[in-house]
Structure formats: C-alpha cells, structure tokens
Amino acid sequence: MAKRRKGVRQFHGLPALAGGFLRGLVFVRGLAFVRGLLPFDLPGLPLLLANAAPLASTHSRARPPLRYKPLSEACMRLDPDAVSELLEKNIQRDVARKRGKHIKAFRGLRGVPVQEITKILVKTWNPKLNLIDDGESLHTLFCTAHEDGLIAVGLLAAMVPDEPIAALEMVDRWVTMVDDTETADALGWMVLGPALLASGEPWLASLRTYRTEHGWGARRMAVMAGMALLPIPLQGMCAAALRERMGMPRLQFVAQADSPAIHELLHVFLRDEDPRVVKSFIRVARSWGESEPDDCEAWLGTVRGGVAKRLREELERGVKKGRRRAKREAEAAAYEAEHGSEADPEGGFDPDLH
C-alpha cells in the first residue's frame, strides 16, 4: 500500500494527527479483530477498515452478497499497483495545487491531469474484466487515492451491463468512502443509476436508504443517479471505458426521460440542505426540465410549500430551454416533411433562412 500511495497529496488536516496515529492504528486493528467475532457490523468504521472489512450490503439484493476472490487467487488482469505507477508518472505539482483547493478526499490527491487519467483508464480497460475475479483488485484501486478511485469507477461502469447486481454490491462497499463531488457524480450517473435500471431493484426504496443512512457524498451520488434516467449524453472522464467498450463516442442510457422515477427522486431529496447535494439536485431538475418541460412544470405546481427561489428559477430556465428545443425540432420535422430529406443534406435546419 505504501508503494501505491507514494506521491499522494493528503489534505492539510492529517499532519496534526500524526502523533496519535500509531496508537489509533493499534486500536483500529483491535476493533477489526473483534469485529470479525461479532454477529453484527460496528457502525462508523468502514472508512478506517476499508481494506480489511468484509463486504457488507446495505440493500436487499436478489441473491446472497458476492464474495470476491483474494488478490493472490485472482487472474490479475487488473493490477492496481501498475495503474498507480502510471498515475505517479503523470503527477503535476500545479495540477495538484489547483485541484487540491476543491477536492479534499480522505484518500488523498495525486495531481494528475484529467486527460492523462482518461488515457490510463482506456489503457487499463480489458473486456475480460469481471467482478468475481477482479473485484478485490478494483476495490484496492478505489481505496488508494482520488485519481485511482476515478479509474476504478470508470472500470466498474463498463462492467454494469454484464453484472448490475454485483456492481450495486460494489457501490454498497464504497458508499461510506465517497467524500468528494467528482467520485459521487461519477458513481451516481455511471454506476448506481444504470445498475438500478438494469437489475430491476426498487428505485424509491434504494434512494430512501441513501437519504437516511449515509452522509452528503452518498446523497449526492443518489441524486446524480437521476441523470441516468434522462436522455443526456454521458460526460466526464469516467465514461471513457464504457465508450471504449461500446465503440461509440456519444452514449446515453435512455432515449426518453423516465418522469415518474425523476418525480420520486426529487421528492425524496427536495429538502436536503447540504449545498453540495443541492447543486446536484438543481442539475438533475434543470436537465429534466430541458427533456420534459411539461412534466417538470406540472411537478412544480404539486410541491407542498413550494420550492426555493433559486431552484424555481433554474427549473423555469430548463423548462424554457426545453420548449425552445421542442419548437426547433417540430419546425425541422415540418420542413423535412414538406421539402424532403434531400433538400438539406447536412441534416440541419435554420428557421431564419426558411
């Protein structure tokens, strides 16, 4: 682990704890030993025992929890040490300084440019990867540092179509370690949302679990899962492996917004006061307004007590944008029906020239 964490930039609060770290480590190891003897999980320890704790699921799944093969028994198609070494070679001090102002991940920050993380993710992706043989390697990679974790999320996103239930179990394993917005957004949009859709797990019950049992990072992740229900092209570096697998530069999970599911999502997290969760809530709600302006406007009228001014403004902005887009599409369809597709070989339409 020390080899993988070389070059990882920790946030400034950690050095002050160095004096009592050894005593705390002995105490935690003792708790880990006792934890294996008890018939129930100890609350509040999954972050400290991330590498030693057994898999624990917070949701009811259709089958017993998946047990991953230890690293020594795995095929090692995914080598977390090799991935970490590639990241170390691309560390840039100015990137670490700039990103460190916004990201305070407990796992630490290396300072690798986004384009380099994307390249390493694509290079690491292997169609033979699966969560039974490579689950422990993936978990080790996620626990190493912030950038390593983003690559782990991207690899997991590419496995969701084949193993949605196993992907949800891995999300359950990582959920208490989500403490930055990038990881929360990627896990929600690329993994949690599509895995819930593919597995048939109860949408509302899962969202309520994230709302009541976890911190702000998990709640933001659950809100961002709503992006998978909207016809929005995937964005961000963590989608690179999924694009590579599908062989398509532009991907979206659904062709039309699932308004009933979005309706449930917004009602569950409407009163969340954490600004980081509110920001993701506004993004999902505005995107819904752009995709289904009538449904979004109707929902606004059903909220008891109304919504905050900022949220209403963003929703109304999304509704207006969605209606302008629908009008342009209707005009383009009418033009094509009247003149035929050969009249505009580029596929575009400008009403000002019509």
Protein backbone atom coordinates (compact mmCIF):
# COMPACT_ATOMS: atom_id res chain seq x y z
CA MET A 1 0.00 0.00 0.00
CA ALA A 2 2.88 2.35 0.74
CA LYS A 3 4.14 1.93 -2.80
CA ARG A 4 0.78 2.86 -4.27
CA ARG A 5 0.33 5.86 -2.02
CA LYS A 6 3.70 7.39 -2.89
CA GLY A 7 3.13 10.86 -4.28
CA VAL A 8 -0.40 11.11 -2.90
CA ARG A 9 -1.19 14.55 -1.56
CA GLN A 10 -3.13 14.42 1.70
CA PHE A 11 -5.26 17.33 2.87
CA HIS A 12 -3.74 19.62 5.46
CA GLY A 13 -5.63 18.27 8.50
CA LEU A 14 -3.78 14.93 8.52
CA PRO A 15 -0.28 16.02 9.76
CA ALA A 16 -1.77 17.28 13.01
CA LEU A 17 -2.98 13.74 13.75
CA ALA A 18 0.41 12.09 13.17
CA GLY A 19 1.27 11.93 16.87
CA GLY A 20 -1.64 9.69 17.78
CA PHE A 21 -1.79 7.75 14.52
CA LEU A 22 0.13 4.70 15.75
CA ARG A 23 -1.98 4.38 18.88
CA GLY A 24 -5.11 4.80 16.76
CA LEU A 25 -3.90 2.16 14.28
CA VAL A 26 -3.39 -0.38 17.09
CA PHE A 27 -6.86 0.43 18.40
CA VAL A 28 -8.44 0.06 14.95
CA ARG A 29 -6.70 -3.28 14.36
CA GLY A 30 -8.08 -4.48 17.66
CA LEU A 31 -11.56 -3.39 16.64
CA ALA A 32 -11.13 -5.14 13.28
CA PHE A 33 -10.29 -8.38 15.09
CA VAL A 34 -13.25 -8.05 17.45
CA ARG A 35 -15.46 -7.08 14.52
CA GLY A 36 -14.80 -10.47 12.91
CA LEU A 37 -16.05 -12.20 16.07
CA LEU A 38 -19.29 -10.24 16.41
CA PRO A 39 -22.51 -11.21 14.59
CA PHE A 40 -23.23 -7.62 13.58
CA ASP A 41 -21.39 -4.69 11.93
CA LEU A 42 -19.83 -1.95 14.01
CA PRO A 43 -21.13 1.48 12.87
CA GLY A 44 -18.86 4.29 11.81
CA LEU A 45 -15.77 2.18 10.98
CA PRO A 46 -15.99 1.24 7.28
CA LEU A 47 -13.74 4.13 6.22
CA LEU A 48 -10.92 3.17 8.59
CA LEU A 49 -11.28 -0.55 7.86
CA ALA A 50 -11.76 -0.13 4.13
CA ASN A 51 -9.14 -2.68 3.09
CA ALA A 52 -9.85 -5.24 5.82
CA ALA A 53 -13.63 -5.15 6.23
CA PRO A 54 -15.72 -7.90 4.62
CA LEU A 55 -18.32 -6.96 2.04
CA ALA A 56 -21.48 -5.62 3.68
CA SER A 57 -24.58 -4.75 1.69
CA THR A 58 -26.96 -2.00 2.85
CA HIS A 59 -29.66 -3.05 0.39
CA SER A 60 -31.63 -6.24 -0.03
CA ARG A 61 -30.45 -7.96 -3.17
CA ALA A 62 -31.96 -10.81 -5.14
CA ARG A 63 -29.14 -13.17 -4.10
CA PRO A 64 -26.53 -13.55 -1.34
CA PRO A 65 -23.70 -10.96 -1.38
CA LEU A 66 -20.96 -11.70 -3.90
CA ARG A 67 -17.66 -12.86 -2.43
CA TYR A 68 -14.68 -11.67 -4.43
CA LYS A 69 -11.56 -13.72 -4.92
CA PRO A 70 -8.48 -12.52 -2.95
CA LEU A 71 -5.76 -10.80 -4.93
CA SER A 72 -3.49 -13.85 -4.70
CA GLU A 73 -6.16 -16.06 -6.31
CA ALA A 74 -7.28 -13.58 -8.97
CA CYS A 75 -6.12 -13.67 -12.57
CA MET A 76 -4.58 -10.21 -12.09
CA ARG A 77 -5.97 -8.88 -15.34
CA LEU A 78 -6.30 -5.72 -13.28
CA ASP A 79 -3.09 -4.82 -11.44
CA PRO A 80 -3.76 -1.89 -9.07
CA ASP A 81 -0.02 -1.36 -8.49
CA ALA A 82 0.63 -0.94 -12.22
CA VAL A 83 -2.24 1.56 -12.54
CA SER A 84 -0.97 3.56 -9.58
CA GLU A 85 2.55 3.65 -11.04
CA LEU A 86 1.19 5.04 -14.32
CA LEU A 87 -0.61 7.75 -12.38
CA GLU A 88 2.53 8.61 -10.39
CA LYS A 89 4.48 9.17 -13.61
CA ASN A 90 1.95 11.84 -14.66
CA ILE A 91 1.78 13.85 -11.43
CA GLN A 92 1.98 17.61 -11.95
CA ARG A 93 2.50 19.89 -8.97
CA ASP A 94 0.44 22.78 -10.35
CA VAL A 95 -2.48 20.44 -11.06
CA ALA A 96 -2.27 19.10 -7.50
CA ARG A 97 -2.29 22.66 -6.15
CA LYS A 98 -5.30 23.78 -8.21
CA ARG A 99 -7.39 20.65 -7.71
CA GLY A 100 -6.45 20.47 -4.05
CA LYS A 101 -8.37 23.71 -3.45
CA HIS A 102 -11.63 21.98 -4.38
CA ILE A 103 -11.06 18.29 -3.61
CA LYS A 104 -10.32 17.21 -0.03
CA ALA A 105 -10.60 13.46 -0.41
CA PHE A 106 -9.60 11.38 2.62
CA ARG A 107 -7.73 9.00 0.30
CA GLY A 108 -5.50 11.82 -0.90
CA LEU A 109 -4.93 13.63 -4.20
CA ARG A 110 -2.10 12.91 -6.63
CA GLY A 111 -2.50 15.82 -9.05
CA VAL A 112 -2.86 14.05 -12.41
CA PRO A 113 -4.40 15.96 -15.37
CA VAL A 114 -7.84 14.82 -16.48
CA GLN A 115 -6.69 13.86 -19.98
CA GLU A 116 -3.98 11.60 -18.54
CA ILE A 117 -6.48 9.89 -16.22
CA THR A 118 -8.73 9.26 -19.23
CA LYS A 119 -5.86 7.76 -21.24
CA ILE A 120 -4.88 5.45 -18.37
CA LEU A 121 -8.50 4.38 -17.91
CA VAL A 122 -8.84 3.43 -21.58
CA LYS A 123 -5.47 1.63 -21.47
CA THR A 124 -6.49 -0.31 -18.33
CA TRP A 125 -9.88 -1.42 -19.62
CA ASN A 126 -9.99 -5.09 -20.62
CA PRO A 127 -13.15 -6.83 -21.91
CA LYS A 128 -12.23 -9.89 -19.80
CA LEU A 129 -12.53 -7.98 -16.51
CA ASN A 130 -15.27 -9.22 -14.18
CA LEU A 131 -16.19 -8.55 -10.57
CA ILE A 132 -15.72 -12.11 -9.34
CA ASP A 133 -12.06 -12.39 -10.35
CA ASP A 134 -11.12 -8.69 -10.32
CA GLY A 135 -13.39 -7.31 -7.58
CA GLU A 136 -10.69 -7.19 -4.90
CA SER A 137 -8.22 -5.55 -7.30
CA LEU A 138 -10.87 -2.97 -8.18
CA HIS A 139 -11.58 -2.31 -4.51
CA THR A 140 -7.87 -1.92 -3.74
CA LEU A 141 -7.55 0.55 -6.59
CA PHE A 142 -10.53 2.58 -5.35
CA CYS A 143 -9.07 2.83 -1.83
CA THR A 144 -5.62 4.01 -2.95
CA ALA A 145 -6.11 7.68 -3.93
CA HIS A 146 -8.62 10.01 -5.56
CA GLU A 147 -7.46 9.53 -9.16
CA ASP A 148 -7.08 5.78 -8.67
CA GLY A 149 -10.65 5.73 -7.42
CA LEU A 150 -11.93 7.52 -10.52
CA ILE A 151 -10.31 4.86 -12.72
CA ALA A 152 -11.93 2.17 -10.56
CA VAL A 153 -15.32 3.85 -11.01
CA GLY A 154 -14.80 4.04 -14.78
CA LEU A 155 -13.91 0.35 -14.96
CA LEU A 156 -16.93 -0.56 -12.83
CA ALA A 157 -19.20 1.50 -15.11
CA ALA A 158 -18.06 -0.59 -18.08
CA MET A 159 -18.97 -3.79 -16.18
CA VAL A 160 -22.51 -2.69 -15.26
CA PRO A 161 -24.22 -4.06 -18.42
CA ASP A 162 -23.00 -7.60 -17.60
CA GLU A 163 -23.11 -7.54 -13.79
CA PRO A 164 -25.63 -4.95 -12.48
CA ILE A 165 -26.31 -6.71 -9.16
CA ALA A 166 -22.60 -7.20 -8.46
CA ALA A 167 -21.99 -3.55 -9.40
CA LEU A 168 -24.60 -2.45 -6.84
CA GLU A 169 -22.89 -4.57 -4.19
CA MET A 170 -19.59 -2.85 -5.00
CA VAL A 171 -21.32 0.54 -4.68
CA ASP A 172 -22.57 -0.57 -1.24
CA ARG A 173 -18.98 -1.35 -0.34
CA TRP A 174 -17.71 2.06 -1.43
CA VAL A 175 -20.60 4.26 -0.37
CA THR A 176 -19.18 5.30 3.01
CA MET A 177 -15.88 6.32 1.39
CA VAL A 178 -17.47 8.80 -1.05
CA ASP A 179 -16.35 12.19 0.23
CA ASP A 180 -15.76 14.30 -2.89
CA THR A 181 -18.07 15.57 -5.61
CA GLU A 182 -16.26 14.02 -8.59
CA THR A 183 -16.46 10.50 -7.22
CA ALA A 184 -20.06 10.97 -6.10
CA ASP A 185 -21.16 12.27 -9.51
CA ALA A 186 -19.40 9.52 -11.43
CA LEU A 187 -20.65 6.71 -9.18
CA GLY A 188 -24.22 8.01 -9.30
CA TRP A 189 -24.51 8.70 -13.03
CA MET A 190 -22.29 5.93 -14.44
CA VAL A 191 -22.91 3.08 -11.97
CA LEU A 192 -25.77 3.45 -9.46
CA GLY A 193 -28.42 4.78 -11.86
CA PRO A 194 -27.88 2.34 -14.75
CA ALA A 195 -27.33 -0.60 -12.36
CA LEU A 196 -30.67 0.05 -10.64
CA LEU A 197 -32.34 0.21 -14.03
CA ALA A 198 -30.68 -2.96 -15.35
CA SER A 199 -31.16 -5.03 -12.18
CA GLY A 200 -34.79 -4.14 -11.54
CA GLU A 201 -34.04 -3.16 -7.94
CA PRO A 202 -36.70 -0.95 -6.27
CA TRP A 203 -35.81 2.60 -7.24
CA LEU A 204 -37.56 4.54 -4.47
CA ALA A 205 -36.55 2.13 -1.66
CA SER A 206 -32.89 2.37 -2.66
CA LEU A 207 -33.00 6.17 -2.78
CA ARG A 208 -34.57 6.39 0.66
CA THR A 209 -31.78 4.20 2.04
CA TYR A 210 -29.14 6.61 0.73
CA ARG A 211 -31.15 9.53 2.08
CA THR A 212 -31.42 8.27 5.66
CA GLU A 213 -28.33 6.15 6.31
CA HIS A 214 -25.38 7.97 4.73
CA GLY A 215 -23.57 11.31 4.52
CA TRP A 216 -23.64 14.07 1.93
CA GLY A 217 -21.41 12.22 -0.55
CA ALA A 218 -23.76 9.25 -0.75
CA ARG A 219 -26.79 11.54 -1.02
CA ARG A 220 -25.20 13.46 -3.87
CA MET A 221 -24.42 10.14 -5.54
CA ALA A 222 -28.06 9.07 -5.22
CA VAL A 223 -29.28 12.36 -6.70
CA MET A 224 -26.88 12.08 -9.64
CA ALA A 225 -28.28 8.62 -10.33
CA GLY A 226 -31.22 10.51 -11.79
CA MET A 227 -29.04 11.62 -14.71
CA ALA A 228 -29.13 8.02 -15.96
CA LEU A 229 -32.90 8.39 -16.37
CA LEU A 230 -32.55 11.35 -18.73
CA PRO A 231 -31.59 11.41 -22.43
CA ILE A 232 -28.38 13.27 -21.62
CA PRO A 233 -25.08 12.16 -23.24
CA LEU A 234 -22.56 10.87 -20.72
CA GLN A 235 -19.97 13.38 -19.60
CA GLY A 236 -16.70 13.13 -17.71
CA MET A 237 -13.55 11.02 -17.76
CA CYS A 238 -15.20 8.02 -16.05
CA ALA A 239 -17.30 7.31 -19.15
CA ALA A 240 -14.19 6.60 -21.27
CA ALA A 241 -14.06 2.83 -20.60
CA LEU A 242 -17.78 2.42 -21.33
CA ARG A 243 -17.38 4.34 -24.60
CA GLU A 244 -14.41 2.13 -25.44
CA ARG A 245 -16.43 -0.99 -24.75
CA MET A 246 -19.42 0.13 -26.81
CA GLY A 247 -17.27 1.63 -29.57
CA MET A 248 -19.36 4.81 -29.53
CA PRO A 249 -18.10 8.34 -28.72
CA ARG A 250 -21.59 9.52 -27.70
CA LEU A 251 -23.66 7.48 -25.24
CA GLN A 252 -26.83 7.94 -23.21
CA PHE A 253 -28.69 5.36 -21.14
CA VAL A 254 -32.29 6.15 -22.17
CA ALA A 255 -33.98 7.60 -25.24
CA GLN A 256 -36.70 9.36 -23.24
CA ALA A 257 -36.83 10.71 -19.69
CA ASP A 258 -38.40 8.49 -17.04
CA SER A 259 -40.52 11.22 -15.47
CA PRO A 260 -42.20 9.10 -12.73
CA ALA A 261 -38.81 7.96 -11.40
CA ILE A 262 -37.40 11.52 -11.53
CA HIS A 263 -40.56 12.70 -9.74
CA GLU A 264 -39.83 10.25 -6.89
CA LEU A 265 -36.17 11.26 -6.77
CA LEU A 266 -36.95 14.96 -6.44
CA HIS A 267 -39.49 14.38 -3.68
CA VAL A 268 -37.00 12.32 -1.65
CA PHE A 269 -34.19 14.91 -1.77
CA LEU A 270 -36.19 18.13 -2.11
CA ARG A 271 -35.49 19.35 1.44
CA ASP A 272 -31.82 18.39 1.64
CA GLU A 273 -29.92 21.43 2.92
CA ASP A 274 -26.32 20.46 2.13
CA PRO A 275 -25.14 22.85 -0.64
CA ARG A 276 -23.24 20.06 -2.41
CA VAL A 277 -26.38 17.95 -2.62
CA VAL A 278 -28.49 20.97 -3.60
CA LYS A 279 -26.16 21.70 -6.51
CA SER A 280 -26.58 18.20 -7.95
CA PHE A 281 -30.34 18.39 -7.30
CA ILE A 282 -30.57 21.56 -9.38
CA ARG A 283 -28.57 19.97 -12.19
CA VAL A 284 -30.87 16.95 -12.40
CA ALA A 285 -34.05 19.02 -12.11
CA ARG A 286 -32.92 21.52 -14.78
CA SER A 287 -31.94 18.69 -17.12
CA TRP A 288 -35.37 17.13 -16.57
CA GLY A 289 -36.98 20.45 -17.47
CA GLU A 290 -34.98 20.55 -20.71
CA SER A 291 -36.03 16.99 -21.59
CA GLU A 292 -39.68 17.03 -20.43
CA PRO A 293 -40.73 20.67 -19.88
CA ASP A 294 -44.44 19.91 -19.40
CA ASP A 295 -43.85 17.20 -16.77
CA CYS A 296 -41.36 19.39 -14.91
CA GLU A 297 -43.71 22.37 -14.85
CA ALA A 298 -46.57 20.16 -13.63
CA TRP A 299 -44.39 18.84 -10.81
CA LEU A 300 -43.58 22.37 -9.67
CA GLY A 301 -47.26 23.00 -9.09
CA THR A 302 -47.66 19.90 -6.90
CA VAL A 303 -44.91 20.65 -4.35
CA ARG A 304 -46.42 21.47 -0.98
CA GLY A 305 -44.97 24.64 0.45
CA GLY A 306 -43.30 25.48 -2.85
CA VAL A 307 -39.61 25.31 -3.68
CA ALA A 308 -36.70 27.62 -3.01
CA LYS A 309 -36.36 30.67 -5.25
CA ARG A 310 -33.05 29.56 -6.75
CA LEU A 311 -34.41 26.10 -7.56
CA ARG A 312 -37.57 27.54 -9.14
CA GLU A 313 -35.52 29.88 -11.31
CA GLU A 314 -33.30 27.05 -12.52
CA LEU A 315 -36.28 24.81 -13.23
CA GLU A 316 -38.08 27.55 -15.16
CA ARG A 317 -34.90 28.17 -17.14
CA GLY A 318 -34.70 24.49 -18.01
CA VAL A 319 -38.39 24.40 -18.99
CA LYS A 320 -37.96 27.39 -21.32
CA LYS A 321 -34.89 25.82 -22.92
CA GLY A 322 -36.73 22.54 -23.37
CA ARG A 323 -39.67 24.21 -25.07
CA ARG A 324 -37.41 26.16 -27.41
CA ARG A 325 -35.70 22.91 -28.35
CA ALA A 326 -39.04 21.17 -28.91
CA LYS A 327 -40.16 24.04 -31.13
CA ARG A 328 -36.99 23.84 -33.24
CA GLU A 329 -37.39 20.09 -33.62
CA ALA A 330 -41.03 20.48 -34.68
CA GLU A 331 -40.07 23.13 -37.25
CA ALA A 332 -37.28 20.92 -38.57
CA ALA A 333 -39.66 17.95 -38.85
CA ALA A 334 -42.23 20.07 -40.69
CA TYR A 335 -39.57 21.40 -43.06
CA GLU A 336 -38.32 17.89 -43.80
CA ALA A 337 -41.86 16.62 -44.38
CA GLU A 338 -42.53 19.45 -46.84
CA HIS A 339 -39.22 19.50 -48.74
CA GLY A 340 -37.84 16.01 -48.13
CA SER A 341 -34.53 15.00 -46.58
CA GLU A 342 -32.59 15.65 -49.80
CA ALA A 343 -33.32 19.37 -49.54
CA ASP A 344 -30.98 19.61 -46.54
CA PRO A 345 -28.21 17.00 -46.91
CA GLU A 346 -26.38 18.23 -43.81
CA GLY A 347 -29.38 17.44 -41.62
CA GLY A 348 -29.59 20.95 -40.18
CA PHE A 349 -32.39 23.49 -40.18
CA ASP A 350 -32.31 27.24 -39.71
CA PRO A 351 -35.79 28.79 -39.37
CA ASP A 352 -34.36 32.23 -40.17
CA LEU A 353 -33.42 31.04 -43.66
CA HIS A 354 -36.74 29.36 -44.29
